N, C-alpha and C. Protein backbone atom coordinates (compact mmCIF):
# COMPACT_ATOMS: atom_id res chain seq x y z
N MET A 1 -14.49 -134.78 -10.87
CA MET A 1 -13.28 -134.84 -10.05
C MET A 1 -12.88 -136.29 -9.85
N PRO A 2 -11.67 -136.70 -10.24
CA PRO A 2 -11.28 -138.09 -10.15
C PRO A 2 -11.17 -138.57 -8.72
N CYS A 3 -11.46 -139.85 -8.51
CA CYS A 3 -11.34 -140.44 -7.18
C CYS A 3 -9.87 -140.66 -6.86
N SER A 4 -9.50 -140.51 -5.60
CA SER A 4 -8.14 -140.79 -5.18
C SER A 4 -7.94 -142.30 -5.16
N ASP A 5 -6.68 -142.73 -5.25
CA ASP A 5 -6.38 -144.16 -5.23
C ASP A 5 -6.87 -144.79 -3.94
N LYS A 6 -6.81 -144.04 -2.84
CA LYS A 6 -7.23 -144.57 -1.55
C LYS A 6 -8.72 -144.89 -1.54
N ILE A 7 -9.54 -144.01 -2.15
CA ILE A 7 -10.98 -144.24 -2.21
C ILE A 7 -11.30 -145.42 -3.12
N VAL A 8 -10.62 -145.49 -4.28
CA VAL A 8 -10.86 -146.58 -5.22
C VAL A 8 -10.58 -147.93 -4.56
N LEU A 9 -9.51 -148.02 -3.78
CA LEU A 9 -9.14 -149.27 -3.13
C LEU A 9 -10.17 -149.73 -2.12
N LYS A 10 -11.07 -148.85 -1.70
CA LYS A 10 -12.08 -149.20 -0.71
C LYS A 10 -13.50 -149.16 -1.29
N THR A 11 -13.65 -148.98 -2.60
CA THR A 11 -14.97 -148.82 -3.20
C THR A 11 -15.45 -150.11 -3.87
N ILE A 12 -16.63 -150.56 -3.46
CA ILE A 12 -17.31 -151.68 -4.10
C ILE A 12 -18.54 -151.11 -4.79
N THR A 13 -18.60 -151.22 -6.11
CA THR A 13 -19.72 -150.67 -6.87
C THR A 13 -20.69 -151.78 -7.25
N ILE A 14 -21.95 -151.59 -6.91
CA ILE A 14 -23.00 -152.56 -7.24
C ILE A 14 -23.80 -152.01 -8.41
N ASP A 15 -23.87 -152.77 -9.49
CA ASP A 15 -24.57 -152.30 -10.69
C ASP A 15 -26.08 -152.44 -10.52
N ALA A 16 -26.80 -151.42 -10.94
CA ALA A 16 -28.27 -151.44 -10.88
C ALA A 16 -28.84 -150.95 -12.20
N SER A 17 -28.12 -151.23 -13.29
CA SER A 17 -28.53 -150.70 -14.60
C SER A 17 -29.14 -151.75 -15.52
N LYS A 18 -29.19 -153.01 -15.07
CA LYS A 18 -29.64 -154.09 -15.95
C LYS A 18 -30.81 -154.87 -15.35
N SER A 19 -31.70 -154.17 -14.64
CA SER A 19 -32.87 -154.81 -14.01
C SER A 19 -32.47 -156.06 -13.24
N GLU A 20 -31.49 -155.92 -12.40
CA GLU A 20 -30.97 -157.05 -11.62
C GLU A 20 -32.06 -157.65 -10.73
N LEU A 21 -31.98 -158.96 -10.54
CA LEU A 21 -32.95 -159.65 -9.69
C LEU A 21 -32.69 -159.39 -8.21
N LEU A 22 -31.45 -159.06 -7.88
CA LEU A 22 -31.10 -158.70 -6.51
C LEU A 22 -30.80 -157.21 -6.44
N SER A 23 -31.12 -156.60 -5.31
CA SER A 23 -30.90 -155.17 -5.14
C SER A 23 -30.20 -154.91 -3.81
N LEU A 24 -29.93 -153.64 -3.54
CA LEU A 24 -29.30 -153.28 -2.27
C LEU A 24 -30.16 -153.69 -1.08
N ASP A 25 -31.48 -153.66 -1.27
CA ASP A 25 -32.38 -154.07 -0.18
C ASP A 25 -32.15 -155.52 0.23
N ASP A 26 -31.74 -156.34 -0.75
CA ASP A 26 -31.47 -157.75 -0.45
C ASP A 26 -30.12 -157.94 0.22
N LEU A 27 -29.31 -156.90 0.20
CA LEU A 27 -27.93 -157.01 0.68
C LEU A 27 -27.63 -156.10 1.86
N LYS A 28 -28.67 -155.68 2.57
CA LYS A 28 -28.48 -154.71 3.65
C LYS A 28 -27.47 -155.18 4.69
N ILE A 29 -27.61 -156.41 5.14
CA ILE A 29 -26.73 -156.93 6.18
C ILE A 29 -25.29 -157.01 5.67
N CYS A 30 -25.15 -157.52 4.44
CA CYS A 30 -23.82 -157.64 3.85
C CYS A 30 -23.17 -156.27 3.68
N CYS A 31 -23.94 -155.31 3.19
CA CYS A 31 -23.40 -153.96 2.98
C CYS A 31 -22.99 -153.31 4.29
N ARG A 32 -23.81 -153.51 5.33
CA ARG A 32 -23.46 -152.95 6.64
C ARG A 32 -22.13 -153.50 7.14
N LYS A 33 -21.93 -154.80 6.96
CA LYS A 33 -20.68 -155.42 7.40
C LYS A 33 -19.49 -154.86 6.62
N LEU A 34 -19.68 -154.68 5.31
CA LEU A 34 -18.59 -154.15 4.49
C LEU A 34 -18.24 -152.72 4.90
N VAL A 35 -19.27 -151.91 5.15
CA VAL A 35 -19.04 -150.53 5.58
C VAL A 35 -18.36 -150.50 6.95
N SER A 36 -18.74 -151.42 7.82
CA SER A 36 -18.17 -151.44 9.18
C SER A 36 -16.68 -151.77 9.18
N ILE A 37 -16.19 -152.43 8.14
CA ILE A 37 -14.76 -152.74 8.08
C ILE A 37 -14.01 -151.82 7.12
N GLY A 38 -14.69 -150.74 6.72
CA GLY A 38 -13.98 -149.69 5.99
C GLY A 38 -14.24 -149.56 4.51
N TYR A 39 -15.11 -150.40 3.95
CA TYR A 39 -15.39 -150.29 2.52
C TYR A 39 -16.45 -149.22 2.25
N ARG A 40 -16.43 -148.71 1.04
CA ARG A 40 -17.41 -147.72 0.59
C ARG A 40 -18.28 -148.39 -0.47
N ILE A 41 -19.60 -148.32 -0.30
CA ILE A 41 -20.53 -148.94 -1.24
C ILE A 41 -21.07 -147.87 -2.19
N ALA A 42 -20.92 -148.11 -3.49
CA ALA A 42 -21.46 -147.20 -4.50
C ALA A 42 -22.44 -147.97 -5.38
N VAL A 43 -23.34 -147.25 -6.03
CA VAL A 43 -24.34 -147.87 -6.91
C VAL A 43 -24.25 -147.22 -8.28
N ASN A 44 -24.21 -148.06 -9.31
CA ASN A 44 -24.20 -147.56 -10.69
C ASN A 44 -25.56 -147.79 -11.33
N LYS A 45 -26.22 -146.70 -11.74
CA LYS A 45 -27.53 -146.80 -12.38
C LYS A 45 -27.50 -146.40 -13.85
N GLY A 46 -26.34 -146.00 -14.32
CA GLY A 46 -26.21 -145.57 -15.71
C GLY A 46 -25.44 -146.58 -16.54
N ILE A 47 -24.94 -146.13 -17.67
CA ILE A 47 -24.15 -146.98 -18.55
C ILE A 47 -22.87 -147.41 -17.83
N ILE A 48 -22.49 -148.64 -18.02
CA ILE A 48 -21.25 -149.14 -17.43
C ILE A 48 -20.09 -148.61 -18.27
N SER A 49 -19.42 -147.62 -17.75
CA SER A 49 -18.36 -146.95 -18.50
C SER A 49 -16.99 -147.26 -17.89
N THR A 50 -15.96 -147.01 -18.66
CA THR A 50 -14.60 -147.19 -18.15
C THR A 50 -14.36 -146.33 -16.93
N LYS A 51 -14.88 -145.11 -16.94
CA LYS A 51 -14.71 -144.20 -15.81
C LYS A 51 -15.32 -144.79 -14.53
N THR A 52 -16.54 -145.31 -14.65
CA THR A 52 -17.21 -145.91 -13.49
C THR A 52 -16.43 -147.11 -12.97
N LEU A 53 -15.98 -147.95 -13.87
CA LEU A 53 -15.27 -149.16 -13.48
C LEU A 53 -13.94 -148.85 -12.81
N MET A 54 -13.21 -147.90 -13.36
CA MET A 54 -11.90 -147.58 -12.81
C MET A 54 -11.97 -146.90 -11.45
N GLN A 55 -13.17 -146.51 -11.04
CA GLN A 55 -13.35 -145.93 -9.70
C GLN A 55 -13.77 -146.99 -8.69
N SER A 56 -13.67 -148.27 -9.09
CA SER A 56 -14.14 -149.37 -8.24
C SER A 56 -13.05 -150.40 -8.04
N LYS A 57 -12.90 -150.84 -6.80
CA LYS A 57 -12.00 -151.97 -6.53
C LYS A 57 -12.67 -153.26 -7.00
N ILE A 58 -13.98 -153.37 -6.73
CA ILE A 58 -14.77 -154.52 -7.17
C ILE A 58 -16.06 -154.01 -7.79
N PHE A 59 -16.40 -154.51 -8.97
CA PHE A 59 -17.66 -154.15 -9.63
C PHE A 59 -18.56 -155.38 -9.58
N VAL A 60 -19.76 -155.21 -9.01
CA VAL A 60 -20.65 -156.33 -8.72
C VAL A 60 -21.88 -156.29 -9.63
N MET A 61 -22.18 -157.42 -10.28
CA MET A 61 -23.38 -157.55 -11.11
C MET A 61 -24.21 -158.72 -10.57
N LEU A 62 -25.36 -158.40 -10.00
CA LEU A 62 -26.18 -159.38 -9.29
C LEU A 62 -27.36 -159.83 -10.14
N CYS A 63 -27.17 -160.89 -10.89
CA CYS A 63 -28.24 -161.46 -11.73
C CYS A 63 -28.81 -160.44 -12.71
N PRO A 64 -27.99 -159.90 -13.60
CA PRO A 64 -28.51 -158.95 -14.60
C PRO A 64 -29.48 -159.65 -15.55
N THR A 65 -30.54 -158.94 -15.96
CA THR A 65 -31.55 -159.53 -16.85
C THR A 65 -31.67 -158.79 -18.18
N GLU A 66 -30.95 -157.69 -18.35
CA GLU A 66 -31.00 -156.95 -19.61
C GLU A 66 -29.68 -157.10 -20.35
N LYS A 67 -29.73 -156.86 -21.64
CA LYS A 67 -28.55 -157.01 -22.48
C LYS A 67 -27.58 -155.85 -22.27
N PHE A 68 -26.31 -156.13 -22.50
CA PHE A 68 -25.26 -155.14 -22.37
C PHE A 68 -24.96 -154.50 -23.73
N LYS A 69 -24.62 -153.23 -23.71
CA LYS A 69 -24.19 -152.55 -24.93
C LYS A 69 -22.78 -153.02 -25.28
N ALA A 70 -22.43 -152.94 -26.56
CA ALA A 70 -21.09 -153.35 -26.98
C ALA A 70 -20.02 -152.54 -26.26
N SER A 71 -20.30 -151.26 -26.04
CA SER A 71 -19.33 -150.39 -25.35
C SER A 71 -19.14 -150.82 -23.89
N GLU A 72 -20.21 -151.35 -23.28
CA GLU A 72 -20.12 -151.79 -21.89
C GLU A 72 -19.27 -153.06 -21.77
N LEU A 73 -19.48 -153.99 -22.69
CA LEU A 73 -18.68 -155.22 -22.67
C LEU A 73 -17.21 -154.91 -22.93
N LYS A 74 -16.97 -153.95 -23.81
CA LYS A 74 -15.59 -153.54 -24.09
C LYS A 74 -14.95 -152.92 -22.85
N ALA A 75 -15.74 -152.11 -22.13
CA ALA A 75 -15.23 -151.47 -20.91
C ALA A 75 -14.94 -152.51 -19.83
N LEU A 76 -15.79 -153.54 -19.72
CA LEU A 76 -15.57 -154.60 -18.73
C LEU A 76 -14.29 -155.38 -19.02
N LYS A 77 -14.05 -155.68 -20.29
CA LYS A 77 -12.83 -156.38 -20.67
C LYS A 77 -11.59 -155.55 -20.35
N LYS A 78 -11.69 -154.25 -20.63
CA LYS A 78 -10.57 -153.35 -20.35
C LYS A 78 -10.32 -153.27 -18.84
N TYR A 79 -11.40 -153.24 -18.09
CA TYR A 79 -11.32 -153.16 -16.62
C TYR A 79 -10.57 -154.37 -16.06
N LEU A 80 -10.92 -155.56 -16.53
CA LEU A 80 -10.24 -156.77 -16.07
C LEU A 80 -8.77 -156.77 -16.48
N LYS A 81 -8.52 -156.34 -17.70
CA LYS A 81 -7.16 -156.34 -18.22
C LYS A 81 -6.25 -155.41 -17.43
N HIS A 82 -6.84 -154.35 -16.87
CA HIS A 82 -6.05 -153.36 -16.14
C HIS A 82 -6.14 -153.54 -14.62
N GLY A 83 -6.52 -154.72 -14.18
CA GLY A 83 -6.46 -155.02 -12.75
C GLY A 83 -7.75 -154.93 -11.99
N GLY A 84 -8.89 -154.74 -12.68
CA GLY A 84 -10.17 -154.66 -11.99
C GLY A 84 -10.67 -156.03 -11.57
N ARG A 85 -11.64 -156.03 -10.65
CA ARG A 85 -12.22 -157.28 -10.17
C ARG A 85 -13.73 -157.26 -10.37
N LEU A 86 -14.27 -158.36 -10.88
CA LEU A 86 -15.71 -158.48 -11.11
C LEU A 86 -16.29 -159.60 -10.25
N LEU A 87 -17.48 -159.35 -9.72
CA LEU A 87 -18.26 -160.39 -9.05
C LEU A 87 -19.59 -160.47 -9.78
N VAL A 88 -19.87 -161.63 -10.39
CA VAL A 88 -21.08 -161.81 -11.19
C VAL A 88 -21.88 -162.98 -10.63
N THR A 89 -23.18 -162.77 -10.39
CA THR A 89 -24.04 -163.87 -9.95
C THR A 89 -25.10 -164.13 -11.00
N GLY A 90 -25.54 -165.39 -11.08
CA GLY A 90 -26.59 -165.77 -12.02
C GLY A 90 -27.81 -166.27 -11.28
N HIS A 91 -28.75 -166.82 -12.02
CA HIS A 91 -30.00 -167.30 -11.43
C HIS A 91 -30.51 -168.50 -12.20
N GLU A 92 -31.52 -169.15 -11.66
CA GLU A 92 -32.05 -170.35 -12.28
C GLU A 92 -32.75 -170.04 -13.61
N GLY A 93 -32.88 -171.08 -14.43
CA GLY A 93 -33.69 -170.98 -15.64
C GLY A 93 -33.04 -170.23 -16.79
N LYS A 94 -33.87 -169.86 -17.75
CA LYS A 94 -33.41 -169.22 -18.97
C LYS A 94 -32.80 -167.86 -18.68
N LYS A 95 -31.69 -167.55 -19.35
CA LYS A 95 -31.00 -166.29 -19.15
C LYS A 95 -31.45 -165.27 -20.19
N THR A 96 -31.92 -164.11 -19.73
CA THR A 96 -32.36 -163.06 -20.65
C THR A 96 -31.27 -162.04 -20.91
N SER A 97 -30.23 -162.06 -20.10
CA SER A 97 -29.08 -161.18 -20.32
C SER A 97 -28.06 -161.88 -21.20
N ASP A 98 -27.18 -161.12 -21.82
CA ASP A 98 -26.12 -161.72 -22.63
C ASP A 98 -24.79 -161.76 -21.86
N ILE A 99 -24.87 -161.75 -20.54
CA ILE A 99 -23.65 -161.79 -19.73
C ILE A 99 -22.87 -163.08 -20.00
N ASN A 100 -23.57 -164.15 -20.40
CA ASN A 100 -22.88 -165.40 -20.70
C ASN A 100 -21.89 -165.24 -21.84
N ASN A 101 -22.24 -164.41 -22.84
CA ASN A 101 -21.34 -164.18 -23.96
C ASN A 101 -20.02 -163.59 -23.48
N PHE A 102 -20.10 -162.73 -22.47
CA PHE A 102 -18.90 -162.13 -21.90
C PHE A 102 -18.12 -163.16 -21.08
N LEU A 103 -18.83 -163.92 -20.25
CA LEU A 103 -18.16 -164.87 -19.36
C LEU A 103 -17.51 -166.03 -20.12
N LYS A 104 -18.08 -166.40 -21.26
CA LYS A 104 -17.52 -167.50 -22.04
C LYS A 104 -16.09 -167.21 -22.47
N GLY A 105 -15.78 -165.94 -22.62
CA GLY A 105 -14.41 -165.56 -22.98
C GLY A 105 -13.40 -165.90 -21.89
N TYR A 106 -13.92 -166.19 -20.70
CA TYR A 106 -13.05 -166.54 -19.58
C TYR A 106 -13.32 -167.97 -19.09
N GLY A 107 -14.01 -168.75 -19.92
CA GLY A 107 -14.22 -170.16 -19.61
C GLY A 107 -15.32 -170.44 -18.61
N ILE A 108 -16.27 -169.50 -18.46
CA ILE A 108 -17.36 -169.65 -17.48
C ILE A 108 -18.69 -169.43 -18.18
N GLU A 109 -19.71 -170.22 -17.81
CA GLU A 109 -21.04 -170.05 -18.41
C GLU A 109 -22.12 -170.48 -17.42
N PHE A 110 -23.14 -169.63 -17.24
CA PHE A 110 -24.30 -170.01 -16.44
C PHE A 110 -25.16 -170.97 -17.25
N LYS A 111 -25.55 -172.10 -16.65
CA LYS A 111 -26.38 -173.07 -17.35
C LYS A 111 -27.86 -172.73 -17.20
N ASN A 112 -28.65 -173.25 -18.12
CA ASN A 112 -30.11 -173.07 -18.08
C ASN A 112 -30.72 -174.20 -17.24
N ASP A 113 -30.45 -174.17 -15.93
CA ASP A 113 -30.97 -175.21 -15.05
C ASP A 113 -31.26 -174.62 -13.68
N ALA A 114 -31.56 -175.46 -12.71
CA ALA A 114 -31.83 -175.02 -11.34
C ALA A 114 -31.33 -176.08 -10.38
N VAL A 115 -30.76 -175.65 -9.28
CA VAL A 115 -30.28 -176.57 -8.25
C VAL A 115 -31.43 -176.87 -7.29
N ILE A 116 -31.66 -178.16 -7.03
CA ILE A 116 -32.79 -178.59 -6.19
C ILE A 116 -32.28 -179.48 -5.06
N ARG A 117 -32.74 -179.20 -3.86
CA ARG A 117 -32.39 -180.00 -2.68
C ARG A 117 -33.22 -181.29 -2.70
N ILE A 118 -32.58 -182.41 -2.42
CA ILE A 118 -33.29 -183.69 -2.47
C ILE A 118 -33.56 -184.26 -1.08
N HIS A 119 -33.15 -183.53 -0.03
CA HIS A 119 -33.40 -183.97 1.34
C HIS A 119 -34.12 -182.87 2.12
N ARG A 120 -34.85 -183.26 3.14
CA ARG A 120 -35.48 -182.28 4.02
C ARG A 120 -34.40 -181.53 4.80
N TRP A 121 -34.69 -180.24 5.06
CA TRP A 121 -33.77 -179.46 5.88
C TRP A 121 -34.58 -178.44 6.67
N ALA A 122 -34.43 -178.46 7.99
CA ALA A 122 -35.20 -177.58 8.86
C ALA A 122 -34.98 -176.11 8.49
N GLY A 123 -36.09 -175.39 8.36
CA GLY A 123 -36.02 -173.97 8.05
C GLY A 123 -36.05 -173.66 6.57
N CYS A 124 -35.86 -174.65 5.73
CA CYS A 124 -35.91 -174.46 4.28
C CYS A 124 -37.15 -175.17 3.74
N HIS A 125 -38.08 -174.41 3.21
CA HIS A 125 -39.37 -174.98 2.82
C HIS A 125 -39.48 -175.27 1.32
N HIS A 126 -38.77 -174.51 0.50
CA HIS A 126 -38.84 -174.72 -0.94
C HIS A 126 -37.66 -175.59 -1.38
N PRO A 127 -37.89 -176.56 -2.26
CA PRO A 127 -36.79 -177.44 -2.68
C PRO A 127 -35.64 -176.71 -3.39
N LYS A 128 -35.92 -175.50 -3.89
CA LYS A 128 -34.85 -174.73 -4.53
C LYS A 128 -34.05 -173.90 -3.53
N GLU A 129 -34.43 -173.96 -2.25
CA GLU A 129 -33.59 -173.40 -1.19
C GLU A 129 -32.61 -174.50 -0.80
N SER A 130 -31.55 -174.60 -1.55
CA SER A 130 -30.66 -175.76 -1.49
C SER A 130 -29.56 -175.58 -0.45
N VAL A 131 -29.58 -176.44 0.56
CA VAL A 131 -28.50 -176.47 1.56
C VAL A 131 -27.48 -177.50 1.09
N VAL A 132 -26.29 -177.04 0.77
CA VAL A 132 -25.23 -177.92 0.27
C VAL A 132 -24.30 -178.27 1.42
N THR A 133 -24.19 -179.55 1.72
CA THR A 133 -23.41 -179.98 2.88
C THR A 133 -22.04 -180.56 2.53
N ASP A 134 -21.82 -180.87 1.26
CA ASP A 134 -20.53 -181.45 0.88
C ASP A 134 -20.05 -180.86 -0.45
N GLY A 135 -20.13 -179.53 -0.54
CA GLY A 135 -19.84 -178.89 -1.81
C GLY A 135 -18.56 -178.08 -1.86
N ILE A 136 -17.69 -178.20 -0.84
CA ILE A 136 -16.43 -177.46 -0.85
C ILE A 136 -15.45 -178.16 -1.78
N MET A 137 -15.08 -177.50 -2.87
CA MET A 137 -14.18 -178.10 -3.85
C MET A 137 -12.74 -177.63 -3.68
N ASN A 138 -12.56 -176.47 -3.09
CA ASN A 138 -11.22 -175.94 -2.88
C ASN A 138 -10.91 -175.97 -1.38
N LYS A 139 -9.97 -176.80 -0.99
CA LYS A 139 -9.70 -177.03 0.43
C LYS A 139 -9.21 -175.77 1.15
N ALA A 140 -8.77 -174.76 0.41
CA ALA A 140 -8.31 -173.52 1.04
C ALA A 140 -9.44 -172.85 1.81
N ILE A 141 -10.69 -173.12 1.43
CA ILE A 141 -11.84 -172.53 2.12
C ILE A 141 -11.92 -173.03 3.55
N TYR A 142 -11.47 -174.25 3.79
CA TYR A 142 -11.51 -174.79 5.15
C TYR A 142 -10.71 -173.94 6.13
N SER A 143 -9.66 -173.30 5.64
CA SER A 143 -8.81 -172.50 6.52
C SER A 143 -9.52 -171.28 7.08
N LEU A 144 -10.71 -170.94 6.53
CA LEU A 144 -11.48 -169.83 7.05
C LEU A 144 -12.10 -170.16 8.40
N GLU A 145 -12.21 -171.44 8.70
CA GLU A 145 -12.75 -171.88 9.99
C GLU A 145 -11.67 -171.77 11.06
N GLN A 146 -11.97 -171.04 12.12
CA GLN A 146 -10.97 -170.75 13.16
C GLN A 146 -10.40 -172.01 13.79
N ASN A 147 -11.24 -173.02 14.01
CA ASN A 147 -10.79 -174.22 14.70
C ASN A 147 -10.48 -175.38 13.75
N TRP A 148 -10.27 -175.05 12.49
CA TRP A 148 -10.03 -176.11 11.50
C TRP A 148 -8.68 -176.78 11.73
N GLN A 149 -8.69 -178.11 11.64
CA GLN A 149 -7.46 -178.90 11.74
C GLN A 149 -7.28 -179.69 10.45
N PRO A 150 -6.16 -179.51 9.75
CA PRO A 150 -5.95 -180.21 8.46
C PRO A 150 -6.09 -181.72 8.56
N SER A 151 -5.83 -182.28 9.74
CA SER A 151 -5.87 -183.73 9.90
C SER A 151 -7.27 -184.26 10.22
N ASP A 152 -8.25 -183.36 10.37
CA ASP A 152 -9.61 -183.77 10.75
C ASP A 152 -10.35 -184.31 9.53
N PRO A 153 -10.67 -185.62 9.49
CA PRO A 153 -11.35 -186.19 8.31
C PRO A 153 -12.80 -185.74 8.19
N ASN A 154 -13.37 -185.20 9.25
CA ASN A 154 -14.77 -184.75 9.24
C ASN A 154 -14.90 -183.24 9.12
N ALA A 155 -13.82 -182.58 8.71
CA ALA A 155 -13.84 -181.12 8.65
C ALA A 155 -14.92 -180.60 7.71
N HIS A 156 -15.18 -181.35 6.64
CA HIS A 156 -16.15 -180.88 5.65
C HIS A 156 -17.55 -180.76 6.22
N LYS A 157 -17.84 -181.50 7.31
CA LYS A 157 -19.19 -181.46 7.88
C LYS A 157 -19.50 -180.12 8.53
N ASN A 158 -18.48 -179.35 8.84
CA ASN A 158 -18.68 -178.04 9.46
C ASN A 158 -18.89 -176.94 8.43
N PHE A 159 -18.80 -177.31 7.16
CA PHE A 159 -18.91 -176.32 6.09
C PHE A 159 -20.12 -176.64 5.22
N ARG A 160 -21.13 -175.84 5.31
CA ARG A 160 -22.29 -175.97 4.43
C ARG A 160 -22.71 -174.57 4.01
N TYR A 161 -23.41 -174.49 2.89
CA TYR A 161 -23.86 -173.18 2.42
C TYR A 161 -25.25 -173.30 1.80
N LEU A 162 -25.98 -172.20 1.88
CA LEU A 162 -27.33 -172.13 1.30
C LEU A 162 -27.23 -171.55 -0.10
N TYR A 163 -27.80 -172.25 -1.06
CA TYR A 163 -27.76 -171.81 -2.46
C TYR A 163 -29.19 -171.73 -2.98
N PRO A 164 -29.88 -170.59 -2.79
CA PRO A 164 -31.30 -170.48 -3.14
C PRO A 164 -31.54 -170.05 -4.59
N TYR A 165 -32.37 -170.81 -5.29
CA TYR A 165 -32.84 -170.43 -6.63
C TYR A 165 -31.69 -170.12 -7.58
N GLY A 166 -30.67 -170.97 -7.54
CA GLY A 166 -29.50 -170.75 -8.38
C GLY A 166 -29.34 -171.81 -9.44
N CYS A 167 -28.42 -171.55 -10.37
CA CYS A 167 -28.12 -172.50 -11.44
C CYS A 167 -26.70 -173.04 -11.23
N THR A 168 -26.31 -173.98 -12.08
CA THR A 168 -24.94 -174.48 -12.06
C THR A 168 -24.15 -173.81 -13.18
N LEU A 169 -22.86 -174.13 -13.24
CA LEU A 169 -21.97 -173.49 -14.20
C LEU A 169 -21.29 -174.51 -15.10
N ASN A 170 -21.04 -174.11 -16.34
CA ASN A 170 -20.11 -174.83 -17.20
C ASN A 170 -18.76 -174.14 -17.04
N VAL A 171 -17.72 -174.93 -16.85
CA VAL A 171 -16.40 -174.36 -16.55
C VAL A 171 -15.33 -175.05 -17.39
N ASP A 172 -14.46 -174.24 -18.03
CA ASP A 172 -13.32 -174.78 -18.75
C ASP A 172 -12.20 -175.10 -17.75
N LEU A 173 -11.02 -175.40 -18.26
CA LEU A 173 -9.92 -175.80 -17.40
C LEU A 173 -9.33 -174.64 -16.61
N GLU A 174 -9.34 -173.42 -17.15
CA GLU A 174 -8.64 -172.31 -16.51
C GLU A 174 -9.29 -171.82 -15.22
N PRO A 175 -10.61 -171.61 -15.17
CA PRO A 175 -11.21 -171.15 -13.90
C PRO A 175 -11.06 -172.19 -12.79
N ILE A 176 -10.95 -171.72 -11.56
CA ILE A 176 -10.79 -172.59 -10.39
C ILE A 176 -12.14 -172.74 -9.69
N ILE A 177 -12.57 -173.99 -9.47
CA ILE A 177 -13.86 -174.25 -8.84
C ILE A 177 -13.72 -174.15 -7.32
N LEU A 178 -14.58 -173.33 -6.70
CA LEU A 178 -14.59 -173.18 -5.25
C LEU A 178 -15.68 -174.01 -4.59
N LEU A 179 -16.91 -173.92 -5.16
CA LEU A 179 -18.06 -174.60 -4.57
C LEU A 179 -18.80 -175.40 -5.63
N ALA A 180 -19.47 -176.47 -5.20
CA ALA A 180 -20.27 -177.29 -6.10
C ALA A 180 -21.52 -177.76 -5.37
N THR A 181 -22.39 -178.47 -6.08
CA THR A 181 -23.65 -178.92 -5.48
C THR A 181 -23.46 -180.15 -4.59
N GLY A 182 -22.34 -180.84 -4.73
CA GLY A 182 -22.10 -182.04 -3.92
C GLY A 182 -23.07 -183.16 -4.27
N THR A 183 -23.39 -183.99 -3.27
CA THR A 183 -24.27 -185.13 -3.51
C THR A 183 -25.63 -184.96 -2.85
N ALA A 184 -25.85 -183.82 -2.19
CA ALA A 184 -27.12 -183.59 -1.50
C ALA A 184 -28.11 -182.78 -2.34
N CYS A 185 -27.65 -182.27 -3.47
CA CYS A 185 -28.51 -181.46 -4.34
C CYS A 185 -28.36 -181.91 -5.78
N PHE A 186 -29.42 -181.73 -6.54
CA PHE A 186 -29.43 -182.12 -7.95
C PHE A 186 -29.41 -180.86 -8.82
N PRO A 187 -28.64 -180.86 -9.92
CA PRO A 187 -27.75 -181.91 -10.43
C PRO A 187 -26.51 -182.09 -9.55
N PHE A 188 -26.05 -183.33 -9.45
CA PHE A 188 -24.99 -183.67 -8.51
C PHE A 188 -23.62 -183.17 -8.98
N ASN A 189 -22.83 -182.74 -8.01
CA ASN A 189 -21.41 -182.41 -8.23
C ASN A 189 -21.18 -181.45 -9.40
N ARG A 190 -22.03 -180.43 -9.46
CA ARG A 190 -21.88 -179.41 -10.50
C ARG A 190 -21.35 -178.12 -9.87
N PRO A 191 -20.46 -177.40 -10.57
CA PRO A 191 -19.91 -176.15 -10.02
C PRO A 191 -21.00 -175.09 -9.80
N THR A 192 -20.89 -174.37 -8.69
CA THR A 192 -21.80 -173.25 -8.41
C THR A 192 -21.05 -171.95 -8.15
N CYS A 193 -19.76 -172.04 -7.88
CA CYS A 193 -18.96 -170.84 -7.63
C CYS A 193 -17.53 -171.08 -8.12
N VAL A 194 -17.06 -170.22 -9.01
CA VAL A 194 -15.70 -170.36 -9.55
C VAL A 194 -15.05 -168.98 -9.62
N PHE A 195 -13.74 -168.97 -9.78
CA PHE A 195 -13.10 -167.70 -10.09
C PHE A 195 -12.04 -167.89 -11.16
N TYR A 196 -11.82 -166.82 -11.89
CA TYR A 196 -10.86 -166.82 -12.99
C TYR A 196 -9.82 -165.76 -12.68
N LYS A 197 -8.56 -166.14 -12.73
CA LYS A 197 -7.48 -165.20 -12.47
C LYS A 197 -6.87 -164.78 -13.80
N HIS A 198 -6.98 -163.49 -14.13
CA HIS A 198 -6.50 -162.99 -15.41
C HIS A 198 -4.99 -163.17 -15.50
N PRO A 199 -4.48 -163.82 -16.56
CA PRO A 199 -3.05 -164.11 -16.64
C PRO A 199 -2.17 -162.86 -16.73
N ALA A 200 -2.72 -161.77 -17.25
CA ALA A 200 -1.92 -160.55 -17.41
C ALA A 200 -1.77 -159.78 -16.11
N THR A 201 -2.84 -159.78 -15.30
CA THR A 201 -2.83 -158.95 -14.09
C THR A 201 -2.97 -159.75 -12.81
N MET A 202 -3.30 -161.06 -12.94
CA MET A 202 -3.51 -161.94 -11.78
C MET A 202 -4.62 -161.44 -10.86
N VAL A 203 -5.64 -160.80 -11.44
CA VAL A 203 -6.80 -160.39 -10.66
C VAL A 203 -7.97 -161.29 -11.01
N ASP A 204 -9.05 -161.17 -10.24
CA ASP A 204 -10.08 -162.20 -10.25
C ASP A 204 -11.39 -161.78 -10.92
N LEU A 205 -12.05 -162.78 -11.49
CA LEU A 205 -13.42 -162.66 -11.99
C LEU A 205 -14.22 -163.77 -11.31
C-alpha cells in the first residue's frame, strides 16, 4: 500500500543495510527530538530500492561499510533527481564502502584521514574527540543563535561543535562548505560538512 504524500513529507529513513558504524541506539536522543516535532523515523534493512527511497523525505546513511549494488546506486541517483534528500556521514581512516564513487559525481569525497584535536579540552579525553571552535564556514549558521548580532565580531566564539573520530572532505566548486576543522584541529581548515544542491530539483545532498 503506497504511502500518502503527507506521511512521506514527515518520514526520515535511516539505512541499516550496509553494516553502518552508527545505529539507532547511537541516535536515541536525536530520534526522540525528531519524533517530538512530528517526524516519523523508519529503518531500512533491505536493498535500497526506488520504492523505499520515494517513501522518504530524507534518506540517511550513517558511515556505511559495505559496498552498494549497481541497482542501489542507480536508485539513489534517481531519488536525488526527483527531489529526494540524502544525508551521508563518513568516518576516519580507510573507506571499505564504495559510497565515495557515488559522492564524487556530486563533487564530494571522504578523505582517508582523521581529524585530531591539538589542544586540551575539558571532558574530551581522546585526541580524536575534536572540539572545533572556529570552523563555521557559512555565516548563515550564525543566525541559528537566538541572540546573534551580525555586528558582533566575537560571534564565532559562541559556535563550536564536537567532531569525534571523523575525516575531512575533498570538495569541488559546486558543493557549499558549512563546517571545517578551523585552526584548532589537524588537518587545518579542511571541510567536514558540505551540501550539494541538485541543479534540476534544488534539493540537497
